[in-house]
Amino acid sequence: MATFSWLYLSLLLLSEAGVIGLDFRHKLAIGYKPRPAITAIAGAVAFFLVWDLSGINAGIFFEGAKQFLVGVELAPELPIEEIFFLILLCHSALLIFTWVERLVEKRK
């Protein structure tokens, strides 16, 4: 069981490293204009954290499979992995938006 406790966090960090690599290689968000990109990601993460905390408080959201989690909770039912998941989600969404925006501009 202890072997898997870092699995989810490790996969999240590996995935974010890949997203950061794509970002810098193609100069999409942080690799293009770091301050606005980081601000956008941080704002979106903050929004989703409030969303998560509201869902937890309402009894809708709950902590998943604990065998894959490190065991550090930021709040009851809010594992530290959630922060890294939200960063990955928001950064990926920003890259997709920027990429599509550039494709549309190229076609014009």
PDB file of N, CA and C in Angstrom:
ATOM      1  N   MET A   1       0.815  -1.188   0.000  1.00  0.00           N
ATOM      2  CA  MET A   1       0.000   0.000   0.000  1.00  0.00           C
ATOM      3  C   MET A   1       0.861   1.254   0.000  1.00  0.00           C
ATOM      4  N   ALA A   2       1.936   1.268   0.734  1.00  0.00           N
ATOM      5  CA  ALA A   2       2.809   2.439   0.809  1.00  0.00           C
ATOM      6  C   ALA A   2       3.445   2.752  -0.542  1.00  0.00           C
ATOM      7  N   THR A   3       3.629   1.737  -1.377  1.00  0.00           N
ATOM      8  CA  THR A   3       4.242   1.964  -2.692  1.00  0.00           C
ATOM      9  C   THR A   3       3.387   2.851  -3.576  1.00  0.00           C
ATOM     10  N   PHE A   4       2.087   2.790  -3.406  1.00  0.00           N
ATOM     11  CA  PHE A   4       1.196   3.561  -4.259  1.00  0.00           C
ATOM     12  C   PHE A   4       0.850   4.929  -3.681  1.00  0.00           C
ATOM     13  N   SER A   5       1.259   5.223  -2.446  1.00  0.00           N
ATOM     14  CA  SER A   5       0.815   6.451  -1.794  1.00  0.00           C
ATOM     15  C   SER A   5       1.268   7.719  -2.525  1.00  0.00           C
ATOM     16  N   TRP A   6       2.337   7.656  -3.267  1.00  0.00           N
ATOM     17  CA  TRP A   6       2.826   8.825  -4.007  1.00  0.00           C
ATOM     18  C   TRP A   6       2.480   8.739  -5.486  1.00  0.00           C
ATOM     19  N   LEU A   7       1.774   7.707  -5.900  1.00  0.00           N
ATOM     20  CA  LEU A   7       1.507   7.481  -7.315  1.00  0.00           C
ATOM     21  C   LEU A   7       0.737   8.630  -7.966  1.00  0.00           C
ATOM     22  N   TYR A   8      -0.385   9.008  -7.400  1.00  0.00           N
ATOM     23  CA  TYR A   8      -1.228  10.039  -8.001  1.00  0.00           C
ATOM     24  C   TYR A   8      -0.484  11.377  -8.079  1.00  0.00           C
ATOM     25  N   LEU A   9       0.153  11.779  -6.988  1.00  0.00           N
ATOM     26  CA  LEU A   9       0.900  13.037  -6.978  1.00  0.00           C
ATOM     27  C   LEU A   9       2.041  12.989  -7.985  1.00  0.00           C
ATOM     28  N   SER A  10       2.732  11.883  -8.070  1.00  0.00           N
ATOM     29  CA  SER A  10       3.831  11.735  -9.027  1.00  0.00           C
ATOM     30  C   SER A  10       3.335  11.865 -10.462  1.00  0.00           C
ATOM     31  N   LEU A  11       2.211  11.234 -10.762  1.00  0.00           N
ATOM     32  CA  LEU A  11       1.652  11.324 -12.113  1.00  0.00           C
ATOM     33  C   LEU A  11       1.171  12.739 -12.432  1.00  0.00           C
ATOM     34  N   LEU A  12       0.616  13.413 -11.449  1.00  0.00           N
ATOM     35  CA  LEU A  12       0.206  14.806 -11.652  1.00  0.00           C
ATOM     36  C   LEU A  12       1.416  15.689 -11.950  1.00  0.00           C
ATOM     37  N   LEU A  13       2.480  15.513 -11.172  1.00  0.00           N
ATOM     38  CA  LEU A  13       3.694  16.317 -11.371  1.00  0.00           C
ATOM     39  C   LEU A  13       4.357  16.005 -12.714  1.00  0.00           C
ATOM     40  N   LEU A  14       4.373  14.742 -13.091  1.00  0.00           N
ATOM     41  CA  LEU A  14       4.926  14.348 -14.390  1.00  0.00           C
ATOM     42  C   LEU A  14       4.108  14.955 -15.530  1.00  0.00           C
ATOM     43  N   SER A  15       2.802  14.909 -15.396  1.00  0.00           N
ATOM     44  CA  SER A  15       1.923  15.488 -16.416  1.00  0.00           C
ATOM     45  C   SER A  15       2.121  16.996 -16.520  1.00  0.00           C
ATOM     46  N   GLU A  16       2.210  17.675 -15.386  1.00  0.00           N
ATOM     47  CA  GLU A  16       2.425  19.129 -15.402  1.00  0.00           C
ATOM     48  C   GLU A  16       3.784  19.464 -15.999  1.00  0.00           C
ATOM     49  N   ALA A  17       4.783  18.634 -15.746  1.00  0.00           N
ATOM     50  CA  ALA A  17       6.099  18.857 -16.364  1.00  0.00           C
ATOM     51  C   ALA A  17       5.984  18.784 -17.885  1.00  0.00           C
ATOM     52  N   GLY A  18       5.197  17.844 -18.386  1.00  0.00           N
ATOM     53  CA  GLY A  18       4.976  17.739 -19.822  1.00  0.00           C
ATOM     54  C   GLY A  18       4.248  18.952 -20.370  1.00  0.00           C
ATOM     55  N   VAL A  19       3.252  19.428 -19.644  1.00  0.00           N
ATOM     56  CA  VAL A  19       2.497  20.617 -20.067  1.00  0.00           C
ATOM     57  C   VAL A  19       3.412  21.839 -20.069  1.00  0.00           C
ATOM     58  N   ILE A  20       4.247  21.968 -19.052  1.00  0.00           N
ATOM     59  CA  ILE A  20       5.201  23.084 -19.001  1.00  0.00           C
ATOM     60  C   ILE A  20       6.168  22.995 -20.174  1.00  0.00           C
ATOM     61  N   GLY A  21       6.621  21.788 -20.491  1.00  0.00           N
ATOM     62  CA  GLY A  21       7.518  21.608 -21.644  1.00  0.00           C
ATOM     63  C   GLY A  21       6.863  22.054 -22.942  1.00  0.00           C
ATOM     64  N   LEU A  22       5.611  21.661 -23.158  1.00  0.00           N
ATOM     65  CA  LEU A  22       4.871  22.096 -24.349  1.00  0.00           C
ATOM     66  C   LEU A  22       4.674  23.605 -24.356  1.00  0.00           C
ATOM     67  N   ASP A  23       4.358  24.131 -23.198  1.00  0.00           N
ATOM     68  CA  ASP A  23       4.132  25.566 -23.069  1.00  0.00           C
ATOM     69  C   ASP A  23       5.372  26.350 -23.496  1.00  0.00           C
ATOM     70  N   PHE A  24       6.515  25.993 -22.966  1.00  0.00           N
ATOM     71  CA  PHE A  24       7.748  26.719 -23.285  1.00  0.00           C
ATOM     72  C   PHE A  24       8.224  26.444 -24.704  1.00  0.00           C
ATOM     73  N   ARG A  25       8.054  25.225 -25.171  1.00  0.00           N
ATOM     74  CA  ARG A  25       8.504  24.890 -26.526  1.00  0.00           C
ATOM     75  C   ARG A  25       7.755  25.688 -27.586  1.00  0.00           C
ATOM     76  N   HIS A  26       6.445  25.824 -27.381  1.00  0.00           N
ATOM     77  CA  HIS A  26       5.616  26.515 -28.362  1.00  0.00           C
ATOM     78  C   HIS A  26       5.263  27.944 -27.956  1.00  0.00           C
ATOM     79  N   LYS A  27       5.824  28.379 -26.812  1.00  0.00           N
ATOM     80  CA  LYS A  27       5.578  29.735 -26.297  1.00  0.00           C
ATOM     81  C   LYS A  27       4.088  30.079 -26.305  1.00  0.00           C
ATOM     82  N   LEU A  28       3.317  29.270 -25.582  1.00  0.00           N
ATOM     83  CA  LEU A  28       1.867  29.419 -25.581  1.00  0.00           C
ATOM     84  C   LEU A  28       1.338  30.302 -24.456  1.00  0.00           C
ATOM     85  N   ALA A  29       1.774  30.099 -23.241  1.00  0.00           N
ATOM     86  CA  ALA A  29       1.208  30.842 -22.105  1.00  0.00           C
ATOM     87  C   ALA A  29       2.342  31.354 -21.214  1.00  0.00           C
ATOM     88  N   ILE A  30       2.778  30.545 -20.276  1.00  0.00           N
ATOM     89  CA  ILE A  30       3.869  30.956 -19.385  1.00  0.00           C
ATOM     90  C   ILE A  30       5.142  31.197 -20.182  1.00  0.00           C
ATOM     91  N   GLY A  31       5.355  30.401 -21.213  1.00  0.00           N
ATOM     92  CA  GLY A  31       6.533  30.573 -22.064  1.00  0.00           C
ATOM     93  C   GLY A  31       6.470  31.805 -22.944  1.00  0.00           C
ATOM     94  N   TYR A  32       5.288  32.405 -23.066  1.00  0.00           N
ATOM     95  CA  TYR A  32       5.103  33.589 -23.915  1.00  0.00           C
ATOM     96  C   TYR A  32       5.006  34.855 -23.068  1.00  0.00           C
ATOM     97  N   LYS A  33       4.033  34.891 -22.177  1.00  0.00           N
ATOM     98  CA  LYS A  33       3.841  36.023 -21.262  1.00  0.00           C
ATOM     99  C   LYS A  33       3.600  35.451 -19.866  1.00  0.00           C
ATOM    100  N   PRO A  34       4.662  35.279 -19.091  1.00  0.00           N
ATOM    101  CA  PRO A  34       4.543  34.582 -17.801  1.00  0.00           C
ATOM    102  C   PRO A  34       3.572  35.207 -16.803  1.00  0.00           C
ATOM    103  N   ARG A  35       3.652  36.511 -16.609  1.00  0.00           N
ATOM    104  CA  ARG A  35       2.834  37.138 -15.566  1.00  0.00           C
ATOM    105  C   ARG A  35       1.330  36.965 -15.811  1.00  0.00           C
ATOM    106  N   PRO A  36       0.806  37.307 -16.998  1.00  0.00           N
ATOM    107  CA  PRO A  36      -0.639  37.113 -17.198  1.00  0.00           C
ATOM    108  C   PRO A  36      -1.053  35.636 -17.161  1.00  0.00           C
ATOM    109  N   ALA A  37      -0.184  34.763 -17.660  1.00  0.00           N
ATOM    110  CA  ALA A  37      -0.515  33.332 -17.664  1.00  0.00           C
ATOM    111  C   ALA A  37      -0.587  32.784 -16.245  1.00  0.00           C
ATOM    112  N   ILE A  38       0.396  33.115 -15.434  1.00  0.00           N
ATOM    113  CA  ILE A  38       0.407  32.630 -14.048  1.00  0.00           C
ATOM    114  C   ILE A  38      -0.769  33.226 -13.273  1.00  0.00           C
ATOM    115  N   THR A  39      -1.076  34.494 -13.551  1.00  0.00           N
ATOM    116  CA  THR A  39      -2.226  35.129 -12.905  1.00  0.00           C
ATOM    117  C   THR A  39      -3.525  34.423 -13.287  1.00  0.00           C
ATOM    118  N   ALA A  40      -3.668  34.090 -14.566  1.00  0.00           N
ATOM    119  CA  ALA A  40      -4.874  33.393 -15.032  1.00  0.00           C
ATOM    120  C   ALA A  40      -4.989  32.012 -14.390  1.00  0.00           C
ATOM    121  N   ILE A  41      -3.891  31.286 -14.353  1.00  0.00           N
ATOM    122  CA  ILE A  41      -3.901  29.942 -13.753  1.00  0.00           C
ATOM    123  C   ILE A  41      -4.215  30.036 -12.264  1.00  0.00           C
ATOM    124  N   ALA A  42      -3.561  30.955 -11.557  1.00  0.00           N
ATOM    125  CA  ALA A  42      -3.787  31.107 -10.114  1.00  0.00           C
ATOM    126  C   ALA A  42      -5.229  31.509  -9.820  1.00  0.00           C
ATOM    127  N   GLY A  43      -5.774  32.409 -10.621  1.00  0.00           N
ATOM    128  CA  GLY A  43      -7.165  32.824 -10.426  1.00  0.00           C
ATOM    129  C   GLY A  43      -8.138  31.673 -10.638  1.00  0.00           C
ATOM    130  N   ALA A  44      -7.898  30.889 -11.677  1.00  0.00           N
ATOM    131  CA  ALA A  44      -8.761  29.741 -11.954  1.00  0.00           C
ATOM    132  C   ALA A  44      -8.636  28.685 -10.854  1.00  0.00           C
ATOM    133  N   VAL A  45      -7.412  28.441 -10.387  1.00  0.00           N
ATOM    134  CA  VAL A  45      -7.204  27.481  -9.294  1.00  0.00           C
ATOM    135  C   VAL A  45      -7.932  27.958  -8.040  1.00  0.00           C
ATOM    136  N   ALA A  46      -7.844  29.247  -7.742  1.00  0.00           N
ATOM    137  CA  ALA A  46      -8.537  29.800  -6.570  1.00  0.00           C
ATOM    138  C   ALA A  46     -10.052  29.611  -6.705  1.00  0.00           C
ATOM    139  N   PHE A  47     -10.587  29.895  -7.896  1.00  0.00           N
ATOM    140  CA  PHE A  47     -12.017  29.705  -8.139  1.00  0.00           C
ATOM    141  C   PHE A  47     -12.419  28.254  -7.883  1.00  0.00           C
ATOM    142  N   PHE A  48     -11.651  27.305  -8.434  1.00  0.00           N
ATOM    143  CA  PHE A  48     -12.001  25.896  -8.271  1.00  0.00           C
ATOM    144  C   PHE A  48     -11.779  25.395  -6.848  1.00  0.00           C
ATOM    145  N   LEU A  49     -10.850  25.999  -6.120  1.00  0.00           N
ATOM    146  CA  LEU A  49     -10.688  25.634  -4.707  1.00  0.00           C
ATOM    147  C   LEU A  49     -11.916  26.053  -3.900  1.00  0.00           C
ATOM    148  N   VAL A  50     -12.423  27.247  -4.182  1.00  0.00           N
ATOM    149  CA  VAL A  50     -13.656  27.690  -3.522  1.00  0.00           C
ATOM    150  C   VAL A  50     -14.799  26.749  -3.901  1.00  0.00           C
ATOM    151  N   TRP A  51     -14.846  26.384  -5.166  1.00  0.00           N
ATOM    152  CA  TRP A  51     -15.858  25.435  -5.661  1.00  0.00           C
ATOM    153  C   TRP A  51     -15.755  24.110  -4.900  1.00  0.00           C
ATOM    154  N   ASP A  52     -14.521  23.588  -4.801  1.00  0.00           N
ATOM    155  CA  ASP A  52     -14.304  22.323  -4.091  1.00  0.00           C
ATOM    156  C   ASP A  52     -14.714  22.427  -2.626  1.00  0.00           C
ATOM    157  N   LEU A  53     -14.296  23.495  -1.967  1.00  0.00           N
ATOM    158  CA  LEU A  53     -14.622  23.652  -0.549  1.00  0.00           C
ATOM    159  C   LEU A  53     -16.138  23.769  -0.339  1.00  0.00           C
ATOM    160  N   SER A  54     -16.807  24.434  -1.267  1.00  0.00           N
ATOM    161  CA  SER A  54     -18.268  24.530  -1.185  1.00  0.00           C
ATOM    162  C   SER A  54     -18.902  23.152  -1.362  1.00  0.00           C
ATOM    163  N   GLY A  55     -18.394  22.392  -2.323  1.00  0.00           N
ATOM    164  CA  GLY A  55     -18.902  21.043  -2.554  1.00  0.00           C
ATOM    165  C   GLY A  55     -18.629  20.116  -1.382  1.00  0.00           C
ATOM    166  N   ILE A  56     -17.472  20.255  -0.780  1.00  0.00           N
ATOM    167  CA  ILE A  56     -17.132  19.443   0.403  1.00  0.00           C
ATOM    168  C   ILE A  56     -18.068  19.809   1.549  1.00  0.00           C
ATOM    169  N   ASN A  57     -18.248  21.105   1.754  1.00  0.00           N
ATOM    170  CA  ASN A  57     -19.125  21.585   2.829  1.00  0.00           C
ATOM    171  C   ASN A  57     -20.563  21.116   2.637  1.00  0.00           C
ATOM    172  N   ALA A  58     -20.995  21.023   1.378  1.00  0.00           N
ATOM    173  CA  ALA A  58     -22.356  20.569   1.092  1.00  0.00           C
ATOM    174  C   ALA A  58     -22.486  19.048   1.102  1.00  0.00           C
ATOM    175  N   GLY A  59     -21.357  18.344   1.256  1.00  0.00           N
ATOM    176  CA  GLY A  59     -21.390  16.888   1.280  1.00  0.00           C
ATOM    177  C   GLY A  59     -21.424  16.253  -0.099  1.00  0.00           C
ATOM    178  N   ILE A  60     -21.152  17.042  -1.136  1.00  0.00           N
ATOM    179  CA  ILE A  60     -21.177  16.525  -2.500  1.00  0.00           C
ATOM    180  C   ILE A  60     -19.829  15.914  -2.880  1.00  0.00           C
ATOM    181  N   PHE A  61     -18.740  16.584  -2.507  1.00  0.00           N
ATOM    182  CA  PHE A  61     -17.393  16.104  -2.825  1.00  0.00           C
ATOM    183  C   PHE A  61     -16.798  15.441  -1.596  1.00  0.00           C
ATOM    184  N   PHE A  62     -15.982  14.421  -1.848  1.00  0.00           N
ATOM    185  CA  PHE A  62     -15.299  13.739  -0.754  1.00  0.00           C
ATOM    186  C   PHE A  62     -13.986  13.176  -1.280  1.00  0.00           C
ATOM    187  N   GLU A  63     -13.097  12.882  -0.350  1.00  0.00           N
ATOM    188  CA  GLU A  63     -11.778  12.365  -0.694  1.00  0.00           C
ATOM    189  C   GLU A  63     -11.907  10.958  -1.269  1.00  0.00           C
ATOM    190  N   GLY A  64     -11.144  10.697  -2.323  1.00  0.00           N
ATOM    191  CA  GLY A  64     -11.217   9.414  -3.015  1.00  0.00           C
ATOM    192  C   GLY A  64     -10.360   8.334  -2.395  1.00  0.00           C
ATOM    193  N   ALA A  65      -9.784   7.507  -3.254  1.00  0.00           N
ATOM    194  CA  ALA A  65      -8.997   6.338  -2.855  1.00  0.00           C
ATOM    195  C   ALA A  65      -7.729   6.754  -2.099  1.00  0.00           C
ATOM    196  N   LYS A  66      -7.744   6.599  -0.810  1.00  0.00           N
ATOM    197  CA  LYS A  66      -6.647   7.065   0.041  1.00  0.00           C
ATOM    198  C   LYS A  66      -5.342   6.315  -0.191  1.00  0.00           C
ATOM    199  N   GLN A  67      -5.401   5.117  -0.747  1.00  0.00           N
ATOM    200  CA  GLN A  67      -4.167   4.357  -0.961  1.00  0.00           C
ATOM    201  C   GLN A  67      -3.273   5.013  -2.008  1.00  0.00           C
ATOM    202  N   PHE A  68      -3.821   5.911  -2.826  1.00  0.00           N
ATOM    203  CA  PHE A  68      -3.045   6.597  -3.853  1.00  0.00           C
ATOM    204  C   PHE A  68      -2.650   8.010  -3.447  1.00  0.00           C
ATOM    205  N   LEU A  69      -3.032   8.425  -2.255  1.00  0.00           N
ATOM    206  CA  LEU A  69      -2.775   9.784  -1.790  1.00  0.00           C
ATOM    207  C   LEU A  69      -1.641   9.806  -0.771  1.00  0.00           C
ATOM    208  N   VAL A  70      -0.944  10.929  -0.725  1.00  0.00           N
ATOM    209  CA  VAL A  70       0.182  11.093   0.200  1.00  0.00           C
ATOM    210  C   VAL A  70      -0.292  11.092   1.650  1.00  0.00           C
ATOM    211  N   GLY A  71      -1.456  11.660   1.889  1.00  0.00           N
ATOM    212  CA  GLY A  71      -1.996  11.695   3.244  1.00  0.00           C
ATOM    213  C   GLY A  71      -2.004  13.084   3.853  1.00  0.00           C
ATOM    214  N   VAL A  72      -1.545  14.087   3.099  1.00  0.00           N
ATOM    215  CA  VAL A  72      -1.552  15.462   3.579  1.00  0.00           C
ATOM    216  C   VAL A  72      -2.856  16.106   3.121  1.00  0.00           C
ATOM    217  N   GLU A  73      -3.617  16.615   4.086  1.00  0.00           N
ATOM    218  CA  GLU A  73      -4.869  17.281   3.755  1.00  0.00           C
ATOM    219  C   GLU A  73      -4.754  18.768   4.064  1.00  0.00           C
ATOM    220  N   LEU A  74      -5.202  19.598   3.123  1.00  0.00           N
ATOM    221  CA  LEU A  74      -5.210  21.046   3.327  1.00  0.00           C
ATOM    222  C   LEU A  74      -6.409  21.454   4.165  1.00  0.00           C
ATOM    223  N   ALA A  75      -7.453  20.669   4.079  1.00  0.00           N
ATOM    224  CA  ALA A  75      -8.687  20.824   4.858  1.00  0.00           C
ATOM    225  C   ALA A  75      -9.324  19.437   4.872  1.00  0.00           C
ATOM    226  N   PRO A  76     -10.302  19.217   5.729  1.00  0.00           N
ATOM    227  CA  PRO A  76     -10.960  17.912   5.700  1.00  0.00           C
ATOM    228  C   PRO A  76     -11.500  17.601   4.299  1.00  0.00           C
ATOM    229  N   GLU A  77     -11.193  16.426   3.812  1.00  0.00           N
ATOM    230  CA  GLU A  77     -11.617  15.950   2.489  1.00  0.00           C
ATOM    231  C   GLU A  77     -10.948  16.680   1.322  1.00  0.00           C
ATOM    232  N   LEU A  78      -9.895  17.455   1.587  1.00  0.00           N
ATOM    233  CA  LEU A  78      -9.196  18.182   0.526  1.00  0.00           C
ATOM    234  C   LEU A  78      -7.711  17.802   0.555  1.00  0.00           C
ATOM    235  N   PRO A  79      -7.337  16.749  -0.183  1.00  0.00           N
ATOM    236  CA  PRO A  79      -5.935  16.319  -0.187  1.00  0.00           C
ATOM    237  C   PRO A  79      -5.057  17.296  -0.964  1.00  0.00           C
ATOM    238  N   ILE A  80      -3.795  17.326  -0.652  1.00  0.00           N
ATOM    239  CA  ILE A  80      -2.854  18.234  -1.312  1.00  0.00           C
ATOM    240  C   ILE A  80      -2.801  17.983  -2.822  1.00  0.00           C
ATOM    241  N   GLU A  81      -3.072  16.759  -3.223  1.00  0.00           N
ATOM    242  CA  GLU A  81      -3.066  16.421  -4.646  1.00  0.00           C
ATOM    243  C   GLU A  81      -4.077  17.257  -5.440  1.00  0.00           C
ATOM    244  N   GLU A  82      -5.136  17.708  -4.774  1.00  0.00           N
ATOM    245  CA  GLU A  82      -6.166  18.489  -5.455  1.00  0.00           C
ATOM    246  C   GLU A  82      -5.593  19.792  -6.015  1.00  0.00           C
ATOM    247  N   ILE A  83      -4.688  20.416  -5.294  1.00  0.00           N
ATOM    248  CA  ILE A  83      -4.046  21.656  -5.774  1.00  0.00           C
ATOM    249  C   ILE A  83      -3.307  21.376  -7.081  1.00  0.00           C
ATOM    250  N   PHE A  84      -2.530  20.308  -7.104  1.00  0.00           N
ATOM    251  CA  PHE A  84      -1.753  19.983  -8.295  1.00  0.00           C
ATOM    252  C   PHE A  84      -2.647  19.549  -9.456  1.00  0.00           C
ATOM    253  N   PHE A  85      -3.753  18.890  -9.139  1.00  0.00           N
ATOM    254  CA  PHE A  85      -4.718  18.544 -10.178  1.00  0.00           C
ATOM    255  C   PHE A  85      -5.316  19.808 -10.789  1.00  0.00           C
ATOM    256  N   LEU A  86      -5.681  20.753  -9.934  1.00  0.00           N
ATOM    257  CA  LEU A  86      -6.275  22.000 -10.428  1.00  0.00           C
ATOM    258  C   LEU A  86      -5.280  22.816 -11.251  1.00  0.00           C
ATOM    259  N   ILE A  87      -4.028  22.826 -10.842  1.00  0.00           N
ATOM    260  CA  ILE A  87      -2.995  23.521 -11.624  1.00  0.00           C
ATOM    261  C   ILE A  87      -2.874  22.876 -13.000  1.00  0.00           C
ATOM    262  N   LEU A  88      -2.815  21.549 -13.030  1.00  0.00           N
ATOM    263  CA  LEU A  88      -2.725  20.831 -14.307  1.00  0.00           C
ATOM    264  C   LEU A  88      -3.947  21.109 -15.175  1.00  0.00           C
ATOM    265  N   LEU A  89      -5.120  21.051 -14.593  1.00  0.00           N
ATOM    266  CA  LEU A  89      -6.361  21.298 -15.322  1.00  0.00           C
ATOM    267  C   LEU A  89      -6.388  22.705 -15.920  1.00  0.00           C
ATOM    268  N   CYS A  90      -6.094  23.693 -15.109  1.00  0.00           N
ATOM    269  CA  CYS A  90      -6.169  25.086 -15.557  1.00  0.00           C
ATOM    270  C   CYS A  90      -5.068  25.422 -16.557  1.00  0.00           C
ATOM    271  N   HIS A  91      -3.869  24.919 -16.336  1.00  0.00           N
ATOM    272  CA  HIS A  91      -2.768  25.168 -17.262  1.00  0.00           C
ATOM    273  C   HIS A  91      -3.060  24.511 -18.610  1.00  0.00           C
ATOM    274  N   SER A  92      -3.553  23.289 -18.585  1.00  0.00           N
ATOM    275  CA  SER A  92      -3.900  22.584 -19.826  1.00  0.00           C
ATOM    276  C   SER A  92      -4.999  23.331 -20.582  1.00  0.00           C
ATOM    277  N   ALA A  93      -6.007  23.779 -19.863  1.00  0.00           N
ATOM    278  CA  ALA A  93      -7.106  24.513 -20.503  1.00  0.00           C
ATOM    279  C   ALA A  93      -6.588  25.806 -21.136  1.00  0.00           C
ATOM    280  N   LEU A  94      -5.685  26.494 -20.444  1.00  0.00           N
ATOM    281  CA  LEU A  94      -5.111  27.726 -20.989  1.00  0.00           C
ATOM    282  C   LEU A  94      -4.307  27.448 -22.254  1.00  0.00           C
ATOM    283  N   LEU A  95      -3.549  26.363 -22.254  1.00  0.00           N
ATOM    284  CA  LEU A  95      -2.767  26.007 -23.439  1.00  0.00           C
ATOM    285  C   LEU A  95      -3.675  25.655 -24.615  1.00  0.00           C
ATOM    286  N   ILE A  96      -4.717  24.906 -24.367  1.00  0.00           N
ATOM    287  CA  ILE A  96      -5.649  24.538 -25.439  1.00  0.00           C
ATOM    288  C   ILE A  96      -6.311  25.792 -26.002  1.00  0.00           C
ATOM    289  N   PHE A  97      -6.758  26.674 -25.130  1.00  0.00           N
ATOM    290  CA  PHE A  97      -7.382  27.918 -25.575  1.00  0.00           C
ATOM    291  C   PHE A  97      -6.413  28.735 -26.429  1.00  0.00           C
ATOM    292  N   THR A  98      -5.189  28.888 -25.956  1.00  0.00           N
ATOM    293  CA  THR A  98      -4.190  29.677 -26.683  1.00  0.00           C
ATOM    294  C   THR A  98      -3.853  29.034 -28.021  1.00  0.00           C
ATOM    295  N   TRP A  99      -3.714  27.727 -28.038  1.00  0.00           N
ATOM    296  CA  TRP A  99      -3.390  27.005 -29.267  1.00  0.00           C
ATOM    297  C   TRP A  99      -4.500  27.172 -30.306  1.00  0.00           C
ATOM    298  N   VAL A 100      -5.755  26.998 -29.871  1.00  0.00           N
ATOM    299  CA  VAL A 100      -6.889  27.162 -30.784  1.00  0.00           C
ATOM    300  C   VAL A 100      -6.963  28.605 -31.279  1.00  0.00           C
ATOM    301  N   GLU A 101      -6.741  29.546 -30.385  1.00  0.00           N
ATOM    302  CA  GLU A 101      -6.752  30.961 -30.762  1.00  0.00           C
ATOM    303  C   GLU A 101      -5.711  31.242 -31.850  1.00  0.00           C
ATOM    304  N   ARG A 102      -4.535  30.675 -31.704  1.00  0.00           N
ATOM    305  CA  ARG A 102      -3.477  30.861 -32.716  1.00  0.00           C
ATOM    306  C   ARG A 102      -3.830  30.184 -34.034  1.00  0.00           C
ATOM    307  N   LEU A 103      -4.442  29.009 -33.968  1.00  0.00           N
ATOM    308  CA  LEU A 103      -4.873  28.335 -35.194  1.00  0.00           C
ATOM    309  C   LEU A 103      -5.899  29.167 -35.949  1.00  0.00           C
ATOM    310  N   VAL A 104      -6.831  29.739 -35.223  1.00  0.00           N
ATOM    311  CA  VAL A 104      -7.850  30.583 -35.851  1.00  0.00           C
ATOM    312  C   VAL A 104      -7.212  31.817 -36.482  1.00  0.00           C
ATOM    313  N   GLU A 105      -6.256  32.421 -35.785  1.00  0.00           N
ATOM    314  CA  GLU A 105      -5.553  33.595 -36.322  1.00  0.00           C
ATOM    315  C   GLU A 105      -4.775  33.250 -37.592  1.00  0.00           C
ATOM    316  N   LYS A 106      -4.165  32.087 -37.638  1.00  0.00           N
ATOM    317  CA  LYS A 106      -3.397  31.668 -38.810  1.00  0.00           C
ATOM    318  C   LYS A 106      -4.296  31.489 -40.030  1.00  0.00           C
ATOM    319  N   ARG A 107      -5.512  31.006 -39.801  1.00  0.00           N
ATOM    320  CA  ARG A 107      -6.435  30.754 -40.909  1.00  0.00           C
ATOM    321  C   ARG A 107      -7.038  32.022 -41.474  1.00  0.00           C
ATOM    322  N   LYS A 108      -6.979  33.112 -40.733  1.00  0.00           N
ATOM    323  CA  LYS A 108      -7.565  34.371 -41.212  1.00  0.00           C
ATOM    324  C   LYS A 108      -6.714  35.030 -42.265  1.00  0.00           C
TER     325      LYS A 108
END
